[in-house]
Structure formats: structure tokens, C-alpha cells
């Protein structure tokens, strides 16, 4: 069980580093956010199994649902940005207001 906690922390750290080092490509930032959320899910489920409690698993399902919604909205913004500006850089998304 300890190895699952370590793997969850490594996945979380990869996601945080992906956001920190990549500030130009929005798709890679969305992937990094998904890695962060998946790392948190793995840690929640592992602690739920260790403590013999179902609350972590239920919270993990809610978090998966929220991350799916976040990804759908993010991809919709990326598609609209590409249609309007022809690029998916962060600078072009900052110009879209309204």
C-alpha cells in the first residue's frame, strides 16, 4: 500500500512540474491538471483502503466527475481559441474576453 502512496505523490509532482515548466501550451497545461487530479485520486483511494473507509472512494468519484467537466470546458475553450486565432498558445487565450 505504501508504494501506491508514493506513486500517487510522484504523479502529483509530475503534474505540478508540468504546469510550472510549461506556460505556453494550453493542452499540456490541461494534461498536467489532469495528472494532479489523478494523483490525488490515487492517494484518496489508497488511504480509503488502508483505513477501511468508503468516504475516500466516494470523494474520488466526485473528483473524477469534476475533472471530466473541467476537461470538457477546457477543451471547448481551446477549440474556440483555435477557430478564432488559429493558435492555441496561452497569449491568445488571454486576449479572449467577454
PDB file of N, CA and C in Angstrom:
ATOM      1  N   UNK A   1       0.818  -1.207   0.000  1.00  0.00           N
ATOM      2  CA  UNK A   1       0.000   0.000   0.000  1.00  0.00           C
ATOM      3  C   UNK A   1       0.856   1.263   0.000  1.00  0.00           C
ATOM      4  N   UNK A   2       2.025   1.177   0.613  1.00  0.00           N
ATOM      5  CA  UNK A   2       2.886   2.361   0.647  1.00  0.00           C
ATOM      6  C   UNK A   2       3.374   2.742  -0.740  1.00  0.00           C
ATOM      7  N   UNK A   3       3.544   1.748  -1.600  1.00  0.00           N
ATOM      8  CA  UNK A   3       4.003   2.048  -2.952  1.00  0.00           C
ATOM      9  C   UNK A   3       2.949   2.838  -3.732  1.00  0.00           C
ATOM     10  N   UNK A   4       1.670   2.606  -3.451  1.00  0.00           N
ATOM     11  CA  UNK A   4       0.611   3.353  -4.131  1.00  0.00           C
ATOM     12  C   UNK A   4       0.612   4.818  -3.703  1.00  0.00           C
ATOM     13  N   UNK A   5       0.915   5.069  -2.438  1.00  0.00           N
ATOM     14  CA  UNK A   5       1.004   6.454  -1.967  1.00  0.00           C
ATOM     15  C   UNK A   5       2.185   7.156  -2.633  1.00  0.00           C
ATOM     16  N   UNK A   6       3.297   6.448  -2.751  1.00  0.00           N
ATOM     17  CA  UNK A   6       4.471   7.036  -3.401  1.00  0.00           C
ATOM     18  C   UNK A   6       4.185   7.307  -4.878  1.00  0.00           C
ATOM     19  N   UNK A   7       3.527   6.362  -5.554  1.00  0.00           N
ATOM     20  CA  UNK A   7       3.184   6.558  -6.969  1.00  0.00           C
ATOM     21  C   UNK A   7       2.224   7.731  -7.132  1.00  0.00           C
ATOM     22  N   UNK A   8       1.235   7.852  -6.236  1.00  0.00           N
ATOM     23  CA  UNK A   8       0.313   8.983  -6.287  1.00  0.00           C
ATOM     24  C   UNK A   8       1.010  10.308  -6.096  1.00  0.00           C
ATOM     25  N   UNK A   9       1.971  10.346  -5.164  1.00  0.00           N
ATOM     26  CA  UNK A   9       2.734  11.581  -4.952  1.00  0.00           C
ATOM     27  C   UNK A   9       3.615  11.917  -6.151  1.00  0.00           C
ATOM     28  N   UNK A  10       4.181  10.894  -6.790  1.00  0.00           N
ATOM     29  CA  UNK A  10       5.016  11.133  -7.971  1.00  0.00           C
ATOM     30  C   UNK A  10       4.168  11.665  -9.124  1.00  0.00           C
ATOM     31  N   UNK A  11       2.981  11.091  -9.327  1.00  0.00           N
ATOM     32  CA  UNK A  11       2.087  11.576 -10.383  1.00  0.00           C
ATOM     33  C   UNK A  11       1.671  13.020 -10.102  1.00  0.00           C
ATOM     34  N   UNK A  12       1.366  13.312  -8.842  1.00  0.00           N
ATOM     35  CA  UNK A  12       1.013  14.680  -8.460  1.00  0.00           C
ATOM     36  C   UNK A  12       2.169  15.639  -8.732  1.00  0.00           C
ATOM     37  N   UNK A  13       3.372  15.240  -8.372  1.00  0.00           N
ATOM     38  CA  UNK A  13       4.546  16.085  -8.573  1.00  0.00           C
ATOM     39  C   UNK A  13       4.839  16.310 -10.053  1.00  0.00           C
ATOM     40  N   UNK A  14       4.649  15.277 -10.879  1.00  0.00           N
ATOM     41  CA  UNK A  14       4.842  15.437 -12.324  1.00  0.00           C
ATOM     42  C   UNK A  14       3.845  16.459 -12.876  1.00  0.00           C
ATOM     43  N   UNK A  15       2.606  16.415 -12.392  1.00  0.00           N
ATOM     44  CA  UNK A  15       1.610  17.395 -12.833  1.00  0.00           C
ATOM     45  C   UNK A  15       1.955  18.812 -12.429  1.00  0.00           C
ATOM     46  N   UNK A  16       2.422  18.986 -11.186  1.00  0.00           N
ATOM     47  CA  UNK A  16       2.796  20.321 -10.717  1.00  0.00           C
ATOM     48  C   UNK A  16       3.990  20.854 -11.503  1.00  0.00           C
ATOM     49  N   UNK A  17       4.978  20.002 -11.736  1.00  0.00           N
ATOM     50  CA  UNK A  17       6.143  20.424 -12.512  1.00  0.00           C
ATOM     51  C   UNK A  17       5.768  20.719 -13.964  1.00  0.00           C
ATOM     52  N   UNK A  18       4.802  19.975 -14.491  1.00  0.00           N
ATOM     53  CA  UNK A  18       4.341  20.240 -15.856  1.00  0.00           C
ATOM     54  C   UNK A  18       3.711  21.608 -15.985  1.00  0.00           C
ATOM     55  N   UNK A  19       2.970  22.039 -14.981  1.00  0.00           N
ATOM     56  CA  UNK A  19       2.385  23.383 -15.019  1.00  0.00           C
ATOM     57  C   UNK A  19       3.468  24.434 -14.816  1.00  0.00           C
ATOM     58  N   UNK A  20       4.412  24.140 -13.915  1.00  0.00           N
ATOM     59  CA  UNK A  20       5.450  25.123 -13.608  1.00  0.00           C
ATOM     60  C   UNK A  20       6.377  25.375 -14.796  1.00  0.00           C
ATOM     61  N   UNK A  21       6.786  24.324 -15.484  1.00  0.00           N
ATOM     62  CA  UNK A  21       7.750  24.480 -16.567  1.00  0.00           C
ATOM     63  C   UNK A  21       7.117  24.779 -17.919  1.00  0.00           C
ATOM     64  N   UNK A  22       5.817  24.531 -18.064  1.00  0.00           N
ATOM     65  CA  UNK A  22       5.160  24.756 -19.344  1.00  0.00           C
ATOM     66  C   UNK A  22       4.109  25.839 -19.161  1.00  0.00           C
ATOM     67  N   UNK A  23       4.374  26.992 -19.692  1.00  0.00           N
ATOM     68  CA  UNK A  23       3.406  28.073 -19.574  1.00  0.00           C
ATOM     69  C   UNK A  23       2.987  28.603 -20.936  1.00  0.00           C
ATOM     70  N   UNK A  24       3.250  27.862 -22.000  1.00  0.00           N
ATOM     71  CA  UNK A  24       2.912  28.352 -23.334  1.00  0.00           C
ATOM     72  C   UNK A  24       1.864  27.503 -24.037  1.00  0.00           C
ATOM     73  N   UNK A  25       1.790  26.226 -23.739  1.00  0.00           N
ATOM     74  CA  UNK A  25       0.866  25.337 -24.441  1.00  0.00           C
ATOM     75  C   UNK A  25      -0.283  24.962 -23.513  1.00  0.00           C
ATOM     76  N   UNK A  26      -1.486  25.317 -23.910  1.00  0.00           N
ATOM     77  CA  UNK A  26      -2.645  25.103 -23.052  1.00  0.00           C
ATOM     78  C   UNK A  26      -3.006  23.622 -22.933  1.00  0.00           C
ATOM     79  N   UNK A  27      -2.764  22.841 -23.982  1.00  0.00           N
ATOM     80  CA  UNK A  27      -3.111  21.419 -23.922  1.00  0.00           C
ATOM     81  C   UNK A  27      -2.224  20.698 -22.914  1.00  0.00           C
ATOM     82  N   UNK A  28      -0.953  21.032 -22.879  1.00  0.00           N
ATOM     83  CA  UNK A  28      -0.072  20.422 -21.889  1.00  0.00           C
ATOM     84  C   UNK A  28      -0.426  20.860 -20.473  1.00  0.00           C
ATOM     85  N   UNK A  29      -0.921  22.072 -20.325  1.00  0.00           N
ATOM     86  CA  UNK A  29      -1.363  22.512 -19.001  1.00  0.00           C
ATOM     87  C   UNK A  29      -2.604  21.751 -18.560  1.00  0.00           C
ATOM     88  N   UNK A  30      -3.522  21.505 -19.479  1.00  0.00           N
ATOM     89  CA  UNK A  30      -4.708  20.707 -19.143  1.00  0.00           C
ATOM     90  C   UNK A  30      -4.316  19.276 -18.773  1.00  0.00           C
ATOM     91  N   UNK A  31      -3.353  18.724 -19.489  1.00  0.00           N
ATOM     92  CA  UNK A  31      -2.884  17.377 -19.153  1.00  0.00           C
ATOM     93  C   UNK A  31      -2.214  17.356 -17.788  1.00  0.00           C
ATOM     94  N   UNK A  32      -1.498  18.410 -17.445  1.00  0.00           N
ATOM     95  CA  UNK A  32      -0.857  18.477 -16.139  1.00  0.00           C
ATOM     96  C   UNK A  32      -1.890  18.582 -15.015  1.00  0.00           C
ATOM     97  N   UNK A  33      -2.946  19.337 -15.255  1.00  0.00           N
ATOM     98  CA  UNK A  33      -4.017  19.430 -14.256  1.00  0.00           C
ATOM     99  C   UNK A  33      -4.676  18.076 -14.066  1.00  0.00           C
ATOM    100  N   UNK A  34      -4.872  17.350 -15.150  1.00  0.00           N
ATOM    101  CA  UNK A  34      -5.449  16.005 -15.034  1.00  0.00           C
ATOM    102  C   UNK A  34      -4.523  15.070 -14.262  1.00  0.00           C
ATOM    103  N   UNK A  35      -3.212  15.191 -14.466  1.00  0.00           N
ATOM    104  CA  UNK A  35      -2.271  14.379 -13.698  1.00  0.00           C
ATOM    105  C   UNK A  35      -2.345  14.699 -12.211  1.00  0.00           C
ATOM    106  N   UNK A  36      -2.483  15.971 -11.878  1.00  0.00           N
ATOM    107  CA  UNK A  36      -2.616  16.357 -10.475  1.00  0.00           C
ATOM    108  C   UNK A  36      -3.864  15.718  -9.870  1.00  0.00           C
ATOM    109  N   UNK A  37      -4.969  15.805 -10.576  1.00  0.00           N
ATOM    110  CA  UNK A  37      -6.216  15.250 -10.055  1.00  0.00           C
ATOM    111  C   UNK A  37      -6.159  13.726  -9.963  1.00  0.00           C
ATOM    112  N   UNK A  38      -5.507  13.071 -10.913  1.00  0.00           N
ATOM    113  CA  UNK A  38      -5.390  11.617 -10.844  1.00  0.00           C
ATOM    114  C   UNK A  38      -4.470  11.171  -9.720  1.00  0.00           C
ATOM    115  N   UNK A  39      -3.423  11.941  -9.449  1.00  0.00           N
ATOM    116  CA  UNK A  39      -2.569  11.636  -8.311  1.00  0.00           C
ATOM    117  C   UNK A  39      -3.319  11.756  -6.994  1.00  0.00           C
ATOM    118  N   UNK A  40      -4.148  12.789  -6.869  1.00  0.00           N
ATOM    119  CA  UNK A  40      -4.964  12.956  -5.668  1.00  0.00           C
ATOM    120  C   UNK A  40      -5.955  11.813  -5.539  1.00  0.00           C
ATOM    121  N   UNK A  41      -6.552  11.393  -6.651  1.00  0.00           N
ATOM    122  CA  UNK A  41      -7.486  10.266  -6.618  1.00  0.00           C
ATOM    123  C   UNK A  41      -6.813   8.989  -6.143  1.00  0.00           C
ATOM    124  N   UNK A  42      -5.625   8.720  -6.630  1.00  0.00           N
ATOM    125  CA  UNK A  42      -4.914   7.517  -6.221  1.00  0.00           C
ATOM    126  C   UNK A  42      -4.596   7.544  -4.733  1.00  0.00           C
ATOM    127  N   UNK A  43      -4.196   8.699  -4.227  1.00  0.00           N
ATOM    128  CA  UNK A  43      -3.907   8.825  -2.801  1.00  0.00           C
ATOM    129  C   UNK A  43      -5.178   8.660  -1.977  1.00  0.00           C
ATOM    130  N   UNK A  44      -6.280   9.246  -2.422  1.00  0.00           N
ATOM    131  CA  UNK A  44      -7.553   9.098  -1.705  1.00  0.00           C
ATOM    132  C   UNK A  44      -8.003   7.644  -1.633  1.00  0.00           C
ATOM    133  N   UNK A  45      -7.921   6.955  -2.749  1.00  0.00           N
ATOM    134  CA  UNK A  45      -8.357   5.560  -2.771  1.00  0.00           C
ATOM    135  C   UNK A  45      -7.435   4.686  -1.928  1.00  0.00           C
ATOM    136  N   UNK A  46      -6.142   4.962  -1.947  1.00  0.00           N
ATOM    137  CA  UNK A  46      -5.204   4.182  -1.147  1.00  0.00           C
ATOM    138  C   UNK A  46      -5.468   4.367   0.339  1.00  0.00           C
ATOM    139  N   UNK A  47      -5.652   5.615   0.779  1.00  0.00           N
ATOM    140  CA  UNK A  47      -5.958   5.838   2.186  1.00  0.00           C
ATOM    141  C   UNK A  47      -7.315   5.263   2.559  1.00  0.00           C
ATOM    142  N   UNK A  48      -8.241   5.266   1.622  1.00  0.00           N
ATOM    143  CA  UNK A  48      -9.537   4.653   1.882  1.00  0.00           C
ATOM    144  C   UNK A  48      -9.397   3.149   2.112  1.00  0.00           C
ATOM    145  N   UNK A  49      -8.531   2.506   1.339  1.00  0.00           N
ATOM    146  CA  UNK A  49      -8.299   1.070   1.543  1.00  0.00           C
ATOM    147  C   UNK A  49      -7.542   0.792   2.842  1.00  0.00           C
ATOM    148  N   UNK A  50      -6.580   1.646   3.169  1.00  0.00           N
ATOM    149  CA  UNK A  50      -5.811   1.455   4.399  1.00  0.00           C
ATOM    150  C   UNK A  50      -6.696   1.632   5.630  1.00  0.00           C
ATOM    151  N   UNK A  51      -7.539   2.656   5.638  1.00  0.00           N
ATOM    152  CA  UNK A  51      -8.388   2.952   6.789  1.00  0.00           C
ATOM    153  C   UNK A  51      -9.689   2.167   6.792  1.00  0.00           C
ATOM    154  N   UNK A  52      -9.934   1.399   5.744  1.00  0.00           N
ATOM    155  CA  UNK A  52     -11.160   0.605   5.629  1.00  0.00           C
ATOM    156  C   UNK A  52     -12.408   1.493   5.699  1.00  0.00           C
ATOM    157  N   UNK A  53     -12.362   2.597   4.957  1.00  0.00           N
ATOM    158  CA  UNK A  53     -13.434   3.575   4.960  1.00  0.00           C
ATOM    159  C   UNK A  53     -13.816   3.873   3.515  1.00  0.00           C
ATOM    160  N   UNK A  54     -15.092   4.072   3.270  1.00  0.00           N
ATOM    161  CA  UNK A  54     -15.567   4.272   1.900  1.00  0.00           C
ATOM    162  C   UNK A  54     -15.605   5.750   1.503  1.00  0.00           C
ATOM    163  N   UNK A  55     -15.394   6.644   2.451  1.00  0.00           N
ATOM    164  CA  UNK A  55     -15.507   8.080   2.172  1.00  0.00           C
ATOM    165  C   UNK A  55     -14.488   8.520   1.120  1.00  0.00           C
ATOM    166  N   UNK A  56     -13.278   8.003   1.176  1.00  0.00           N
ATOM    167  CA  UNK A  56     -12.264   8.373   0.192  1.00  0.00           C
ATOM    168  C   UNK A  56     -12.635   7.947  -1.210  1.00  0.00           C
ATOM    169  N   UNK A  57     -13.258   6.787  -1.334  1.00  0.00           N
ATOM    170  CA  UNK A  57     -13.674   6.315  -2.654  1.00  0.00           C
ATOM    171  C   UNK A  57     -14.816   7.159  -3.214  1.00  0.00           C
ATOM    172  N   UNK A  58     -15.752   7.557  -2.363  1.00  0.00           N
ATOM    173  CA  UNK A  58     -16.853   8.409  -2.813  1.00  0.00           C
ATOM    174  C   UNK A  58     -16.324   9.779  -3.216  1.00  0.00           C
ATOM    175  N   UNK A  59     -15.416  10.326  -2.419  1.00  0.00           N
ATOM    176  CA  UNK A  59     -14.815  11.614  -2.752  1.00  0.00           C
ATOM    177  C   UNK A  59     -14.030  11.520  -4.053  1.00  0.00           C
ATOM    178  N   UNK A  60     -13.401  10.389  -4.290  1.00  0.00           N
ATOM    179  CA  UNK A  60     -12.663  10.186  -5.533  1.00  0.00           C
ATOM    180  C   UNK A  60     -13.603  10.179  -6.739  1.00  0.00           C
ATOM    181  N   UNK A  61     -14.764   9.588  -6.602  1.00  0.00           N
ATOM    182  CA  UNK A  61     -15.737   9.614  -7.699  1.00  0.00           C
ATOM    183  C   UNK A  61     -16.204  11.033  -7.992  1.00  0.00           C
ATOM    184  N   UNK A  62     -16.447  11.835  -6.953  1.00  0.00           N
ATOM    185  CA  UNK A  62     -16.819  13.229  -7.164  1.00  0.00           C
ATOM    186  C   UNK A  62     -15.694  14.001  -7.851  1.00  0.00           C
ATOM    187  N   UNK A  63     -14.474  13.721  -7.446  1.00  0.00           N
ATOM    188  CA  UNK A  63     -13.330  14.409  -8.042  1.00  0.00           C
ATOM    189  C   UNK A  63     -13.150  14.017  -9.509  1.00  0.00           C
ATOM    190  N   UNK A  64     -13.390  12.761  -9.846  1.00  0.00           N
ATOM    191  CA  UNK A  64     -13.319  12.336 -11.246  1.00  0.00           C
ATOM    192  C   UNK A  64     -14.387  13.023 -12.092  1.00  0.00           C
ATOM    193  N   UNK A  65     -15.585  13.176 -11.527  1.00  0.00           N
ATOM    194  CA  UNK A  65     -16.655  13.862 -12.243  1.00  0.00           C
ATOM    195  C   UNK A  65     -16.303  15.328 -12.476  1.00  0.00           C
ATOM    196  N   UNK A  66     -15.759  15.983 -11.459  1.00  0.00           N
ATOM    197  CA  UNK A  66     -15.377  17.391 -11.599  1.00  0.00           C
ATOM    198  C   UNK A  66     -14.243  17.544 -12.609  1.00  0.00           C
ATOM    199  N   UNK A  67     -13.295  16.597 -12.614  1.00  0.00           N
ATOM    200  CA  UNK A  67     -12.185  16.709 -13.566  1.00  0.00           C
ATOM    201  C   UNK A  67     -12.654  16.467 -14.998  1.00  0.00           C
ATOM    202  N   UNK A  68     -13.656  15.619 -15.187  1.00  0.00           N
ATOM    203  CA  UNK A  68     -14.197  15.410 -16.531  1.00  0.00           C
ATOM    204  C   UNK A  68     -14.882  16.682 -17.034  1.00  0.00           C
ATOM    205  N   UNK A  69     -15.623  17.347 -16.159  1.00  0.00           N
ATOM    206  CA  UNK A  69     -16.251  18.613 -16.536  1.00  0.00           C
ATOM    207  C   UNK A  69     -15.237  19.697 -16.830  1.00  0.00           C
ATOM    208  N   UNK A  70     -14.179  19.748 -16.020  1.00  0.00           N
ATOM    209  CA  UNK A  70     -13.117  20.729 -16.227  1.00  0.00           C
ATOM    210  C   UNK A  70     -12.423  20.511 -17.560  1.00  0.00           C
ATOM    211  N   UNK A  71     -12.193  19.248 -17.898  1.00  0.00           N
ATOM    212  CA  UNK A  71     -11.529  18.935 -19.160  1.00  0.00           C
ATOM    213  C   UNK A  71     -12.414  19.284 -20.357  1.00  0.00           C
ATOM    214  N   UNK A  72     -13.705  19.018 -20.242  1.00  0.00           N
ATOM    215  CA  UNK A  72     -14.621  19.327 -21.342  1.00  0.00           C
ATOM    216  C   UNK A  72     -14.686  20.838 -21.589  1.00  0.00           C
ATOM    217  N   UNK A  73     -14.768  21.620 -20.522  1.00  0.00           N
ATOM    218  CA  UNK A  73     -14.815  23.077 -20.678  1.00  0.00           C
ATOM    219  C   UNK A  73     -13.486  23.600 -21.208  1.00  0.00           C
ATOM    220  N   UNK A  74     -12.387  23.059 -20.708  1.00  0.00           N
ATOM    221  CA  UNK A  74     -11.068  23.487 -21.172  1.00  0.00           C
ATOM    222  C   UNK A  74     -10.857  23.190 -22.644  1.00  0.00           C
ATOM    223  N   UNK A  75     -11.250  22.007 -23.077  1.00  0.00           N
ATOM    224  CA  UNK A  75     -11.096  21.670 -24.496  1.00  0.00           C
ATOM    225  C   UNK A  75     -12.011  22.508 -25.384  1.00  0.00           C
ATOM    226  N   UNK A  76     -13.203  22.843 -24.884  1.00  0.00           N
ATOM    227  CA  UNK A  76     -14.092  23.721 -25.648  1.00  0.00           C
ATOM    228  C   UNK A  76     -13.466  25.101 -25.820  1.00  0.00           C
ATOM    229  N   UNK A  77     -12.819  25.603 -24.763  1.00  0.00           N
ATOM    230  CA  UNK A  77     -12.133  26.896 -24.873  1.00  0.00           C
ATOM    231  C   UNK A  77     -10.963  26.828 -25.846  1.00  0.00           C
ATOM    232  N   UNK A  78     -10.246  25.716 -25.832  1.00  0.00           N
ATOM    233  CA  UNK A  78      -9.115  25.557 -26.748  1.00  0.00           C
ATOM    234  C   UNK A  78      -9.598  25.515 -28.190  1.00  0.00           C
ATOM    235  N   UNK A  79     -10.672  24.796 -28.450  1.00  0.00           N
ATOM    236  CA  UNK A  79     -11.210  24.705 -29.815  1.00  0.00           C
ATOM    237  C   UNK A  79     -11.694  26.074 -30.296  1.00  0.00           C
ATOM    238  N   UNK A  80     -12.386  26.806 -29.431  1.00  0.00           N
ATOM    239  CA  UNK A  80     -12.840  28.146 -29.823  1.00  0.00           C
ATOM    240  C   UNK A  80     -11.671  29.086 -30.049  1.00  0.00           C
ATOM    241  N   UNK A  81     -10.656  28.981 -29.229  1.00  0.00           N
ATOM    242  CA  UNK A  81      -9.463  29.815 -29.411  1.00  0.00           C
ATOM    243  C   UNK A  81      -8.774  29.489 -30.730  1.00  0.00           C
ATOM    244  N   UNK A  82      -8.705  28.221 -31.073  1.00  0.00           N
ATOM    245  CA  UNK A  82      -8.070  27.841 -32.335  1.00  0.00           C
ATOM    246  C   UNK A  82      -8.880  28.331 -33.533  1.00  0.00           C
ATOM    247  N   UNK A  83     -10.194  28.285 -33.412  1.00  0.00           N
ATOM    248  CA  UNK A  83     -11.031  28.763 -34.519  1.00  0.00           C
ATOM    249  C   UNK A  83     -10.903  30.271 -34.712  1.00  0.00           C
ATOM    250  N   UNK A  84     -10.801  31.011 -33.609  1.00  0.00           N
ATOM    251  CA  UNK A  84     -10.747  32.467 -33.699  1.00  0.00           C
ATOM    252  C   UNK A  84      -9.351  32.951 -34.091  1.00  0.00           C
ATOM    253  N   UNK A  85      -8.333  32.476 -33.390  1.00  0.00           N
ATOM    254  CA  UNK A  85      -6.977  32.998 -33.575  1.00  0.00           C
ATOM    255  C   UNK A  85      -6.085  32.130 -34.444  1.00  0.00           C
ATOM    256  N   UNK A  86      -6.402  30.856 -34.579  1.00  0.00           N
ATOM    257  CA  UNK A  86      -5.559  29.970 -35.362  1.00  0.00           C
ATOM    258  C   UNK A  86      -4.387  29.395 -34.584  1.00  0.00           C
ATOM    259  N   UNK A  87      -4.349  29.612 -33.277  1.00  0.00           N
ATOM    260  CA  UNK A  87      -3.282  29.081 -32.433  1.00  0.00           C
ATOM    261  C   UNK A  87      -3.856  28.732 -31.057  1.00  0.00           C
ATOM    262  N   UNK A  88      -3.125  27.910 -30.330  1.00  0.00           N
ATOM    263  CA  UNK A  88      -3.600  27.512 -29.007  1.00  0.00           C
ATOM    264  C   UNK A  88      -2.633  27.947 -27.908  1.00  0.00           C
ATOM    265  N   UNK A  89      -1.926  29.017 -28.127  1.00  0.00           N
ATOM    266  CA  UNK A  89      -0.990  29.497 -27.106  1.00  0.00           C
ATOM    267  C   UNK A  89      -1.759  30.227 -25.995  1.00  0.00           C
ATOM    268  N   UNK A  90      -1.110  30.328 -24.860  1.00  0.00           N
ATOM    269  CA  UNK A  90      -1.726  30.993 -23.705  1.00  0.00           C
ATOM    270  C   UNK A  90      -1.970  32.471 -23.980  1.00  0.00           C
ATOM    271  N   UNK A  91      -1.084  33.088 -24.714  1.00  0.00           N
ATOM    272  CA  UNK A  91      -1.233  34.512 -25.007  1.00  0.00           C
ATOM    273  C   UNK A  91      -2.512  34.807 -25.795  1.00  0.00           C
ATOM    274  N   UNK A  92      -2.869  33.907 -26.711  1.00  0.00           N
ATOM    275  CA  UNK A  92      -4.072  34.137 -27.496  1.00  0.00           C
ATOM    276  C   UNK A  92      -5.316  33.927 -26.663  1.00  0.00           C
ATOM    277  N   UNK A  93      -5.261  33.062 -25.687  1.00  0.00           N
ATOM    278  CA  UNK A  93      -6.426  32.844 -24.835  1.00  0.00           C
ATOM    279  C   UNK A  93      -6.611  34.024 -23.892  1.00  0.00           C
ATOM    280  N   UNK A  94      -5.541  34.670 -23.481  1.00  0.00           N
ATOM    281  CA  UNK A  94      -5.665  35.849 -22.635  1.00  0.00           C
ATOM    282  C   UNK A  94      -6.348  36.997 -23.363  1.00  0.00           C
ATOM    283  N   UNK A  95      -6.321  36.995 -24.695  1.00  0.00           N
ATOM    284  CA  UNK A  95      -6.947  38.068 -25.460  1.00  0.00           C
ATOM    285  C   UNK A  95      -8.445  37.889 -25.584  1.00  0.00           C
ATOM    286  N   UNK A  96      -8.960  36.677 -25.360  1.00  0.00           N
ATOM    287  CA  UNK A  96     -10.394  36.422 -25.469  1.00  0.00           C
ATOM    288  C   UNK A  96     -11.069  36.861 -24.178  1.00  0.00           C
ATOM    289  N   UNK A  97     -11.900  37.858 -24.272  1.00  0.00           N
ATOM    290  CA  UNK A  97     -12.633  38.353 -23.096  1.00  0.00           C
ATOM    291  C   UNK A  97     -14.083  38.567 -23.489  1.00  0.00           C
ATOM    292  N   UNK A  98     -14.947  38.408 -22.522  1.00  0.00           N
ATOM    293  CA  UNK A  98     -16.337  38.655 -22.825  1.00  0.00           C
ATOM    294  C   UNK A  98     -17.277  37.795 -22.084  1.00  0.00           C
TER     295      UNK A  98
END
